Amino acid sequence: MSHIDLAVLFLLLGILFITLTVLFQMYVAISESYTIDRYKNTPKMLWVAVSLFFTFSLSVYYFCPNSRKKGIVFFILGAIGVGCYGAGMYFKHLAQA
């Protein structure tokens, strides 16, 4: 395989894994955010709402204890996606040289 073939392969795999990461994050957010109801009518709810507004991904994993194990899958999928995309960009750079 040439460098351009590897670049295309890794770029497509990177995009696929990043897309799977986003879809998994949406699934976790929809299925686990019900546990935030335990903060209803407490002063801490303001800080939970502010945290969810600015960093939704991290807040769901912090405030929803059931989703913490799913955070490992999110991290692994994201790391593989970014790694594949980076390798694709590297091989693209080698093909242009």
PDB file of N, CA and C in Angstrom:
ATOM      1  N   MET A   1       0.848  -1.182   0.000  1.00  0.00           N
ATOM      2  CA  MET A   1       0.000   0.000   0.000  1.00  0.00           C
ATOM      3  C   MET A   1       0.893   1.244   0.000  1.00  0.00           C
ATOM      4  N   SER A   2       0.452   2.212  -0.733  1.00  0.00           N
ATOM      5  CA  SER A   2       1.210   3.463  -0.768  1.00  0.00           C
ATOM      6  C   SER A   2       0.794   4.351   0.407  1.00  0.00           C
ATOM      7  N   HIS A   3       1.537   5.435   0.559  1.00  0.00           N
ATOM      8  CA  HIS A   3       1.240   6.354   1.654  1.00  0.00           C
ATOM      9  C   HIS A   3      -0.137   7.000   1.486  1.00  0.00           C
ATOM     10  N   ILE A   4      -0.529   7.285   0.267  1.00  0.00           N
ATOM     11  CA  ILE A   4      -1.833   7.927   0.048  1.00  0.00           C
ATOM     12  C   ILE A   4      -2.976   6.954   0.361  1.00  0.00           C
ATOM     13  N   ASP A   5      -2.769   5.665   0.067  1.00  0.00           N
ATOM     14  CA  ASP A   5      -3.786   4.666   0.417  1.00  0.00           C
ATOM     15  C   ASP A   5      -3.948   4.555   1.936  1.00  0.00           C
ATOM     16  N   LEU A   6      -2.815   4.530   2.624  1.00  0.00           N
ATOM     17  CA  LEU A   6      -2.874   4.477   4.084  1.00  0.00           C
ATOM     18  C   LEU A   6      -3.509   5.743   4.655  1.00  0.00           C
ATOM     19  N   ALA A   7      -3.212   6.888   4.044  1.00  0.00           N
ATOM     20  CA  ALA A   7      -3.796   8.144   4.513  1.00  0.00           C
ATOM     21  C   ALA A   7      -5.312   8.103   4.388  1.00  0.00           C
ATOM     22  N   VAL A   8      -5.807   7.649   3.258  1.00  0.00           N
ATOM     23  CA  VAL A   8      -7.262   7.574   3.053  1.00  0.00           C
ATOM     24  C   VAL A   8      -7.886   6.586   4.031  1.00  0.00           C
ATOM     25  N   LEU A   9      -7.250   5.441   4.201  1.00  0.00           N
ATOM     26  CA  LEU A   9      -7.776   4.421   5.118  1.00  0.00           C
ATOM     27  C   LEU A   9      -7.857   4.947   6.551  1.00  0.00           C
ATOM     28  N   PHE A  10      -6.766   5.545   7.035  1.00  0.00           N
ATOM     29  CA  PHE A  10      -6.761   6.037   8.410  1.00  0.00           C
ATOM     30  C   PHE A  10      -7.684   7.242   8.597  1.00  0.00           C
ATOM     31  N   LEU A  11      -7.773   8.108   7.598  1.00  0.00           N
ATOM     32  CA  LEU A  11      -8.699   9.242   7.729  1.00  0.00           C
ATOM     33  C   LEU A  11     -10.144   8.765   7.807  1.00  0.00           C
ATOM     34  N   LEU A  12     -10.502   7.800   6.983  1.00  0.00           N
ATOM     35  CA  LEU A  12     -11.871   7.274   7.029  1.00  0.00           C
ATOM     36  C   LEU A  12     -12.148   6.551   8.346  1.00  0.00           C
ATOM     37  N   LEU A  13     -11.174   5.764   8.821  1.00  0.00           N
ATOM     38  CA  LEU A  13     -11.349   5.091  10.115  1.00  0.00           C
ATOM     39  C   LEU A  13     -11.460   6.104  11.250  1.00  0.00           C
ATOM     40  N   GLY A  14     -10.661   7.165  11.192  1.00  0.00           N
ATOM     41  CA  GLY A  14     -10.727   8.208  12.215  1.00  0.00           C
ATOM     42  C   GLY A  14     -12.082   8.877  12.250  1.00  0.00           C
ATOM     43  N   ILE A  15     -12.602   9.210  11.069  1.00  0.00           N
ATOM     44  CA  ILE A  15     -13.927   9.833  10.998  1.00  0.00           C
ATOM     45  C   ILE A  15     -14.992   8.876  11.518  1.00  0.00           C
ATOM     46  N   LEU A  16     -14.873   7.598  11.181  1.00  0.00           N
ATOM     47  CA  LEU A  16     -15.844   6.604  11.654  1.00  0.00           C
ATOM     48  C   LEU A  16     -15.819   6.500  13.184  1.00  0.00           C
ATOM     49  N   PHE A  17     -14.630   6.398  13.773  1.00  0.00           N
ATOM     50  CA  PHE A  17     -14.539   6.269  15.229  1.00  0.00           C
ATOM     51  C   PHE A  17     -14.992   7.540  15.947  1.00  0.00           C
ATOM     52  N   ILE A  18     -14.685   8.704  15.390  1.00  0.00           N
ATOM     53  CA  ILE A  18     -15.141   9.949  16.009  1.00  0.00           C
ATOM     54  C   ILE A  18     -16.666  10.041  15.945  1.00  0.00           C
ATOM     55  N   THR A  19     -17.249   9.599  14.837  1.00  0.00           N
ATOM     56  CA  THR A  19     -18.713   9.585  14.710  1.00  0.00           C
ATOM     57  C   THR A  19     -19.331   8.621  15.718  1.00  0.00           C
ATOM     58  N   LEU A  20     -18.724   7.441  15.883  1.00  0.00           N
ATOM     59  CA  LEU A  20     -19.225   6.492  16.889  1.00  0.00           C
ATOM     60  C   LEU A  20     -19.118   7.075  18.296  1.00  0.00           C
ATOM     61  N   THR A  21     -18.058   7.840  18.548  1.00  0.00           N
ATOM     62  CA  THR A  21     -17.892   8.482  19.847  1.00  0.00           C
ATOM     63  C   THR A  21     -19.012   9.479  20.107  1.00  0.00           C
ATOM     64  N   VAL A  22     -19.344  10.262  19.103  1.00  0.00           N
ATOM     65  CA  VAL A  22     -20.418  11.252  19.251  1.00  0.00           C
ATOM     66  C   VAL A  22     -21.756  10.562  19.480  1.00  0.00           C
ATOM     67  N   LEU A  23     -22.036   9.521  18.714  1.00  0.00           N
ATOM     68  CA  LEU A  23     -23.302   8.798  18.890  1.00  0.00           C
ATOM     69  C   LEU A  23     -23.375   8.140  20.266  1.00  0.00           C
ATOM     70  N   PHE A  24     -22.264   7.588  20.732  1.00  0.00           N
ATOM     71  CA  PHE A  24     -22.255   6.983  22.067  1.00  0.00           C
ATOM     72  C   PHE A  24     -22.466   8.043  23.138  1.00  0.00           C
ATOM     73  N   GLN A  25     -21.870   9.222  22.952  1.00  0.00           N
ATOM     74  CA  GLN A  25     -22.060  10.308  23.912  1.00  0.00           C
ATOM     75  C   GLN A  25     -23.519  10.739  23.958  1.00  0.00           C
ATOM     76  N   MET A  26     -24.171  10.805  22.798  1.00  0.00           N
ATOM     77  CA  MET A  26     -25.588  11.159  22.776  1.00  0.00           C
ATOM     78  C   MET A  26     -26.421  10.108  23.497  1.00  0.00           C
ATOM     79  N   TYR A  27     -26.091   8.831  23.298  1.00  0.00           N
ATOM     80  CA  TYR A  27     -26.805   7.753  23.985  1.00  0.00           C
ATOM     81  C   TYR A  27     -26.658   7.882  25.497  1.00  0.00           C
ATOM     82  N   VAL A  28     -25.430   8.124  25.977  1.00  0.00           N
ATOM     83  CA  VAL A  28     -25.197   8.257  27.416  1.00  0.00           C
ATOM     84  C   VAL A  28     -25.955   9.457  27.967  1.00  0.00           C
ATOM     85  N   ALA A  29     -25.917  10.575  27.251  1.00  0.00           N
ATOM     86  CA  ALA A  29     -26.596  11.779  27.731  1.00  0.00           C
ATOM     87  C   ALA A  29     -28.097  11.568  27.827  1.00  0.00           C
ATOM     88  N   ILE A  30     -28.663  10.883  26.871  1.00  0.00           N
ATOM     89  CA  ILE A  30     -30.117  10.663  26.877  1.00  0.00           C
ATOM     90  C   ILE A  30     -30.512   9.628  27.928  1.00  0.00           C
ATOM     91  N   SER A  31     -29.707   8.574  28.066  1.00  0.00           N
ATOM     92  CA  SER A  31     -30.117   7.486  28.953  1.00  0.00           C
ATOM     93  C   SER A  31     -29.729   7.703  30.419  1.00  0.00           C
ATOM     94  N   GLU A  32     -28.779   8.567  30.718  1.00  0.00           N
ATOM     95  CA  GLU A  32     -28.298   8.691  32.093  1.00  0.00           C
ATOM     96  C   GLU A  32     -28.611  10.016  32.760  1.00  0.00           C
ATOM     97  N   SER A  33     -29.099  10.986  32.036  1.00  0.00           N
ATOM     98  CA  SER A  33     -29.297  12.302  32.647  1.00  0.00           C
ATOM     99  C   SER A  33     -30.510  12.344  33.592  1.00  0.00           C
ATOM    100  N   TYR A  34     -31.291  11.276  33.649  1.00  0.00           N
ATOM    101  CA  TYR A  34     -32.425  11.256  34.586  1.00  0.00           C
ATOM    102  C   TYR A  34     -31.962  11.288  36.037  1.00  0.00           C
ATOM    103  N   THR A  35     -30.731  10.866  36.306  1.00  0.00           N
ATOM    104  CA  THR A  35     -30.252  10.836  37.688  1.00  0.00           C
ATOM    105  C   THR A  35     -29.971  12.225  38.238  1.00  0.00           C
ATOM    106  N   ILE A  36     -30.004  13.239  37.398  1.00  0.00           N
ATOM    107  CA  ILE A  36     -29.800  14.608  37.864  1.00  0.00           C
ATOM    108  C   ILE A  36     -31.017  15.091  38.657  1.00  0.00           C
ATOM    109  N   ASP A  37     -32.128  14.387  38.573  1.00  0.00           N
ATOM    110  CA  ASP A  37     -33.325  14.762  39.333  1.00  0.00           C
ATOM    111  C   ASP A  37     -33.099  14.761  40.842  1.00  0.00           C
ATOM    112  N   ARG A  38     -32.092  14.075  41.295  1.00  0.00           N
ATOM    113  CA  ARG A  38     -31.849  14.048  42.753  1.00  0.00           C
ATOM    114  C   ARG A  38     -31.390  15.402  43.279  1.00  0.00           C
ATOM    115  N   TYR A  39     -30.978  16.307  42.392  1.00  0.00           N
ATOM    116  CA  TYR A  39     -30.570  17.649  42.811  1.00  0.00           C
ATOM    117  C   TYR A  39     -31.723  18.658  42.755  1.00  0.00           C
ATOM    118  N   LYS A  40     -32.911  18.194  42.366  1.00  0.00           N
ATOM    119  CA  LYS A  40     -34.052  19.095  42.239  1.00  0.00           C
ATOM    120  C   LYS A  40     -34.383  19.732  43.589  1.00  0.00           C
ATOM    121  N   ASN A  41     -34.685  21.025  43.563  1.00  0.00           N
ATOM    122  CA  ASN A  41     -35.054  21.808  44.747  1.00  0.00           C
ATOM    123  C   ASN A  41     -33.946  21.869  45.803  1.00  0.00           C
ATOM    124  N   THR A  42     -32.695  21.836  45.347  1.00  0.00           N
ATOM    125  CA  THR A  42     -31.576  22.030  46.258  1.00  0.00           C
ATOM    126  C   THR A  42     -30.719  23.179  45.728  1.00  0.00           C
ATOM    127  N   PRO A  43     -29.958  23.838  46.585  1.00  0.00           N
ATOM    128  CA  PRO A  43     -29.101  24.924  46.116  1.00  0.00           C
ATOM    129  C   PRO A  43     -28.016  24.452  45.130  1.00  0.00           C
ATOM    130  N   LYS A  44     -27.663  23.186  45.205  1.00  0.00           N
ATOM    131  CA  LYS A  44     -26.627  22.669  44.322  1.00  0.00           C
ATOM    132  C   LYS A  44     -27.094  22.579  42.863  1.00  0.00           C
ATOM    133  N   MET A  45     -28.404  22.620  42.638  1.00  0.00           N
ATOM    134  CA  MET A  45     -28.929  22.496  41.283  1.00  0.00           C
ATOM    135  C   MET A  45     -28.429  23.604  40.374  1.00  0.00           C
ATOM    136  N   LEU A  46     -28.223  24.810  40.894  1.00  0.00           N
ATOM    137  CA  LEU A  46     -27.700  25.910  40.083  1.00  0.00           C
ATOM    138  C   LEU A  46     -26.327  25.543  39.523  1.00  0.00           C
ATOM    139  N   TRP A  47     -25.456  24.991  40.352  1.00  0.00           N
ATOM    140  CA  TRP A  47     -24.113  24.644  39.895  1.00  0.00           C
ATOM    141  C   TRP A  47     -24.141  23.455  38.947  1.00  0.00           C
ATOM    142  N   VAL A  48     -25.046  22.537  39.142  1.00  0.00           N
ATOM    143  CA  VAL A  48     -25.193  21.419  38.215  1.00  0.00           C
ATOM    144  C   VAL A  48     -25.636  21.939  36.850  1.00  0.00           C
ATOM    145  N   ALA A  49     -26.595  22.861  36.840  1.00  0.00           N
ATOM    146  CA  ALA A  49     -27.085  23.421  35.582  1.00  0.00           C
ATOM    147  C   ALA A  49     -25.998  24.217  34.862  1.00  0.00           C
ATOM    148  N   VAL A  50     -25.240  25.011  35.605  1.00  0.00           N
ATOM    149  CA  VAL A  50     -24.154  25.782  34.989  1.00  0.00           C
ATOM    150  C   VAL A  50     -23.090  24.841  34.427  1.00  0.00           C
ATOM    151  N   SER A  51     -22.753  23.809  35.169  1.00  0.00           N
ATOM    152  CA  SER A  51     -21.767  22.841  34.707  1.00  0.00           C
ATOM    153  C   SER A  51     -22.240  22.122  33.448  1.00  0.00           C
ATOM    154  N   LEU A  52     -23.503  21.726  33.423  1.00  0.00           N
ATOM    155  CA  LEU A  52     -24.039  21.059  32.244  1.00  0.00           C
ATOM    156  C   LEU A  52     -24.068  21.986  31.033  1.00  0.00           C
ATOM    157  N   PHE A  53     -24.268  23.265  31.259  1.00  0.00           N
ATOM    158  CA  PHE A  53     -24.313  24.214  30.154  1.00  0.00           C
ATOM    159  C   PHE A  53     -22.944  24.359  29.496  1.00  0.00           C
ATOM    160  N   PHE A  54     -21.891  24.420  30.296  1.00  0.00           N
ATOM    161  CA  PHE A  54     -20.569  24.680  29.739  1.00  0.00           C
ATOM    162  C   PHE A  54     -19.825  23.417  29.310  1.00  0.00           C
ATOM    163  N   THR A  55     -19.881  22.362  30.100  1.00  0.00           N
ATOM    164  CA  THR A  55     -19.145  21.131  29.767  1.00  0.00           C
ATOM    165  C   THR A  55     -20.083  19.947  29.917  1.00  0.00           C
ATOM    166  N   PHE A  56     -20.944  19.753  28.964  1.00  0.00           N
ATOM    167  CA  PHE A  56     -21.981  18.738  29.090  1.00  0.00           C
ATOM    168  C   PHE A  56     -21.389  17.341  29.239  1.00  0.00           C
ATOM    169  N   SER A  57     -20.403  16.992  28.423  1.00  0.00           N
ATOM    170  CA  SER A  57     -19.845  15.637  28.461  1.00  0.00           C
ATOM    171  C   SER A  57     -19.275  15.299  29.828  1.00  0.00           C
ATOM    172  N   LEU A  58     -18.421  16.163  30.323  1.00  0.00           N
ATOM    173  CA  LEU A  58     -17.782  15.884  31.608  1.00  0.00           C
ATOM    174  C   LEU A  58     -18.778  15.933  32.760  1.00  0.00           C
ATOM    175  N   SER A  59     -19.747  16.817  32.677  1.00  0.00           N
ATOM    176  CA  SER A  59     -20.729  16.930  33.755  1.00  0.00           C
ATOM    177  C   SER A  59     -21.605  15.699  33.868  1.00  0.00           C
ATOM    178  N   VAL A  60     -22.006  15.133  32.740  1.00  0.00           N
ATOM    179  CA  VAL A  60     -22.835  13.928  32.789  1.00  0.00           C
ATOM    180  C   VAL A  60     -22.071  12.810  33.469  1.00  0.00           C
ATOM    181  N   TYR A  61     -20.793  12.662  33.152  1.00  0.00           N
ATOM    182  CA  TYR A  61     -20.014  11.597  33.776  1.00  0.00           C
ATOM    183  C   TYR A  61     -19.736  11.875  35.248  1.00  0.00           C
ATOM    184  N   TYR A  62     -19.698  13.131  35.657  1.00  0.00           N
ATOM    185  CA  TYR A  62     -19.430  13.463  37.060  1.00  0.00           C
ATOM    186  C   TYR A  62     -20.687  13.364  37.919  1.00  0.00           C
ATOM    187  N   PHE A  63     -21.791  13.927  37.461  1.00  0.00           N
ATOM    188  CA  PHE A  63     -23.009  13.992  38.267  1.00  0.00           C
ATOM    189  C   PHE A  63     -23.893  12.753  38.146  1.00  0.00           C
ATOM    190  N   CYS A  64     -23.687  11.938  37.141  1.00  0.00           N
ATOM    191  CA  CYS A  64     -24.498  10.724  36.964  1.00  0.00           C
ATOM    192  C   CYS A  64     -23.608   9.503  37.207  1.00  0.00           C
ATOM    193  N   PRO A  65     -23.665   8.945  38.401  1.00  0.00           N
ATOM    194  CA  PRO A  65     -22.723   7.870  38.744  1.00  0.00           C
ATOM    195  C   PRO A  65     -22.877   6.611  37.896  1.00  0.00           C
ATOM    196  N   ASN A  66     -24.053   6.357  37.351  1.00  0.00           N
ATOM    197  CA  ASN A  66     -24.243   5.159  36.530  1.00  0.00           C
ATOM    198  C   ASN A  66     -23.489   5.246  35.211  1.00  0.00           C
ATOM    199  N   SER A  67     -23.181   6.447  34.777  1.00  0.00           N
ATOM    200  CA  SER A  67     -22.547   6.602  33.471  1.00  0.00           C
ATOM    201  C   SER A  67     -21.028   6.628  33.548  1.00  0.00           C
ATOM    202  N   ARG A  68     -20.456   6.532  34.717  1.00  0.00           N
ATOM    203  CA  ARG A  68     -18.992   6.630  34.825  1.00  0.00           C
ATOM    204  C   ARG A  68     -18.279   5.475  34.149  1.00  0.00           C
ATOM    205  N   LYS A  69     -18.826   4.280  34.218  1.00  0.00           N
ATOM    206  CA  LYS A  69     -18.209   3.143  33.524  1.00  0.00           C
ATOM    207  C   LYS A  69     -18.293   3.319  32.013  1.00  0.00           C
ATOM    208  N   LYS A  70     -19.328   3.980  31.556  1.00  0.00           N
ATOM    209  CA  LYS A  70     -19.468   4.233  30.125  1.00  0.00           C
ATOM    210  C   LYS A  70     -18.480   5.290  29.648  1.00  0.00           C
ATOM    211  N   GLY A  71     -17.953   6.081  30.555  1.00  0.00           N
ATOM    212  CA  GLY A  71     -16.963   7.087  30.196  1.00  0.00           C
ATOM    213  C   GLY A  71     -15.680   6.470  29.686  1.00  0.00           C
ATOM    214  N   ILE A  72     -15.361   5.278  30.153  1.00  0.00           N
ATOM    215  CA  ILE A  72     -14.168   4.581  29.674  1.00  0.00           C
ATOM    216  C   ILE A  72     -14.325   4.248  28.194  1.00  0.00           C
ATOM    217  N   VAL A  73     -15.502   3.774  27.813  1.00  0.00           N
ATOM    218  CA  VAL A  73     -15.764   3.465  26.408  1.00  0.00           C
ATOM    219  C   VAL A  73     -15.685   4.743  25.570  1.00  0.00           C
ATOM    220  N   PHE A  74     -16.238   5.822  26.088  1.00  0.00           N
ATOM    221  CA  PHE A  74     -16.186   7.112  25.397  1.00  0.00           C
ATOM    222  C   PHE A  74     -14.738   7.544  25.179  1.00  0.00           C
ATOM    223  N   PHE A  75     -13.907   7.424  26.196  1.00  0.00           N
ATOM    224  CA  PHE A  75     -12.505   7.817  26.096  1.00  0.00           C
ATOM    225  C   PHE A  75     -11.755   6.951  25.094  1.00  0.00           C
ATOM    226  N   ILE A  76     -11.986   5.641  25.134  1.00  0.00           N
ATOM    227  CA  ILE A  76     -11.285   4.735  24.223  1.00  0.00           C
ATOM    228  C   ILE A  76     -11.687   4.996  22.779  1.00  0.00           C
ATOM    229  N   LEU A  77     -12.994   5.120  22.515  1.00  0.00           N
ATOM    230  CA  LEU A  77     -13.435   5.409  21.149  1.00  0.00           C
ATOM    231  C   LEU A  77     -12.870   6.732  20.640  1.00  0.00           C
ATOM    232  N   GLY A  78     -12.887   7.735  21.480  1.00  0.00           N
ATOM    233  CA  GLY A  78     -12.357   9.034  21.081  1.00  0.00           C
ATOM    234  C   GLY A  78     -10.861   8.985  20.820  1.00  0.00           C
ATOM    235  N   ALA A  79     -10.120   8.286  21.674  1.00  0.00           N
ATOM    236  CA  ALA A  79      -8.667   8.188  21.498  1.00  0.00           C
ATOM    237  C   ALA A  79      -8.313   7.437  20.221  1.00  0.00           C
ATOM    238  N   ILE A  80      -9.040   6.356  19.935  1.00  0.00           N
ATOM    239  CA  ILE A  80      -8.790   5.613  18.695  1.00  0.00           C
ATOM    240  C   ILE A  80      -9.107   6.489  17.483  1.00  0.00           C
ATOM    241  N   GLY A  81     -10.221   7.221  17.551  1.00  0.00           N
ATOM    242  CA  GLY A  81     -10.596   8.090  16.439  1.00  0.00           C
ATOM    243  C   GLY A  81      -9.577   9.181  16.179  1.00  0.00           C
ATOM    244  N   VAL A  82      -9.128   9.831  17.230  1.00  0.00           N
ATOM    245  CA  VAL A  82      -8.129  10.899  17.078  1.00  0.00           C
ATOM    246  C   VAL A  82      -6.793  10.309  16.615  1.00  0.00           C
ATOM    247  N   GLY A  83      -6.430   9.151  17.144  1.00  0.00           N
ATOM    248  CA  GLY A  83      -5.184   8.499  16.718  1.00  0.00           C
ATOM    249  C   GLY A  83      -5.203   8.118  15.249  1.00  0.00           C
ATOM    250  N   CYS A  84      -6.312   7.531  14.797  1.00  0.00           N
ATOM    251  CA  CYS A  84      -6.430   7.162  13.380  1.00  0.00           C
ATOM    252  C   CYS A  84      -6.415   8.396  12.493  1.00  0.00           C
ATOM    253  N   TYR A  85      -7.112   9.428  12.897  1.00  0.00           N
ATOM    254  CA  TYR A  85      -7.138  10.653  12.098  1.00  0.00           C
ATOM    255  C   TYR A  85      -5.746  11.285  12.047  1.00  0.00           C
ATOM    256  N   GLY A  86      -5.043  11.280  13.164  1.00  0.00           N
ATOM    257  CA  GLY A  86      -3.678  11.807  13.184  1.00  0.00           C
ATOM    258  C   GLY A  86      -2.738  10.990  12.297  1.00  0.00           C
ATOM    259  N   ALA A  87      -2.880   9.671  12.338  1.00  0.00           N
ATOM    260  CA  ALA A  87      -2.058   8.818  11.472  1.00  0.00           C
ATOM    261  C   ALA A  87      -2.378   9.085  10.003  1.00  0.00           C
ATOM    262  N   GLY A  88      -3.646   9.300   9.705  1.00  0.00           N
ATOM    263  CA  GLY A  88      -4.020   9.628   8.328  1.00  0.00           C
ATOM    264  C   GLY A  88      -3.399  10.930   7.868  1.00  0.00           C
ATOM    265  N   MET A  89      -3.395  11.927   8.733  1.00  0.00           N
ATOM    266  CA  MET A  89      -2.775  13.204   8.369  1.00  0.00           C
ATOM    267  C   MET A  89      -1.262  13.048   8.213  1.00  0.00           C
ATOM    268  N   TYR A  90      -0.659  12.188   9.026  1.00  0.00           N
ATOM    269  CA  TYR A  90       0.785  11.926   8.903  1.00  0.00           C
ATOM    270  C   TYR A  90       1.100  11.262   7.565  1.00  0.00           C
ATOM    271  N   PHE A  91       0.346  10.240   7.208  1.00  0.00           N
ATOM    272  CA  PHE A  91       0.582   9.576   5.932  1.00  0.00           C
ATOM    273  C   PHE A  91       0.274  10.490   4.747  1.00  0.00           C
ATOM    274  N   LYS A  92      -0.687  11.372   4.914  1.00  0.00           N
ATOM    275  CA  LYS A  92      -0.966  12.356   3.860  1.00  0.00           C
ATOM    276  C   LYS A  92       0.242  13.275   3.675  1.00  0.00           C
ATOM    277  N   HIS A  93       0.827  13.679   4.788  1.00  0.00           N
ATOM    278  CA  HIS A  93       2.009  14.540   4.724  1.00  0.00           C
ATOM    279  C   HIS A  93       3.175  13.792   4.048  1.00  0.00           C
ATOM    280  N   LEU A  94       3.347  12.504   4.360  1.00  0.00           N
ATOM    281  CA  LEU A  94       4.409  11.720   3.732  1.00  0.00           C
ATOM    282  C   LEU A  94       4.169  11.560   2.242  1.00  0.00           C
ATOM    283  N   ALA A  95       2.907  11.435   1.832  1.00  0.00           N
ATOM    284  CA  ALA A  95       2.586  11.257   0.416  1.00  0.00           C
ATOM    285  C   ALA A  95       2.855  12.531  -0.374  1.00  0.00           C
ATOM    286  N   GLN A  96       2.720  13.688   0.249  1.00  0.00           N
ATOM    287  CA  GLN A  96       2.945  14.954  -0.443  1.00  0.00           C
ATOM    288  C   GLN A  96       4.426  15.294  -0.558  1.00  0.00           C
ATOM    289  N   ALA A  97       5.238  14.685   0.289  1.00  0.00           N
ATOM    290  CA  ALA A  97       6.669  15.023   0.288  1.00  0.00           C
ATOM    291  C   ALA A  97       7.419  14.354  -0.839  1.00  0.00           C
TER     292      ALA A  97
END
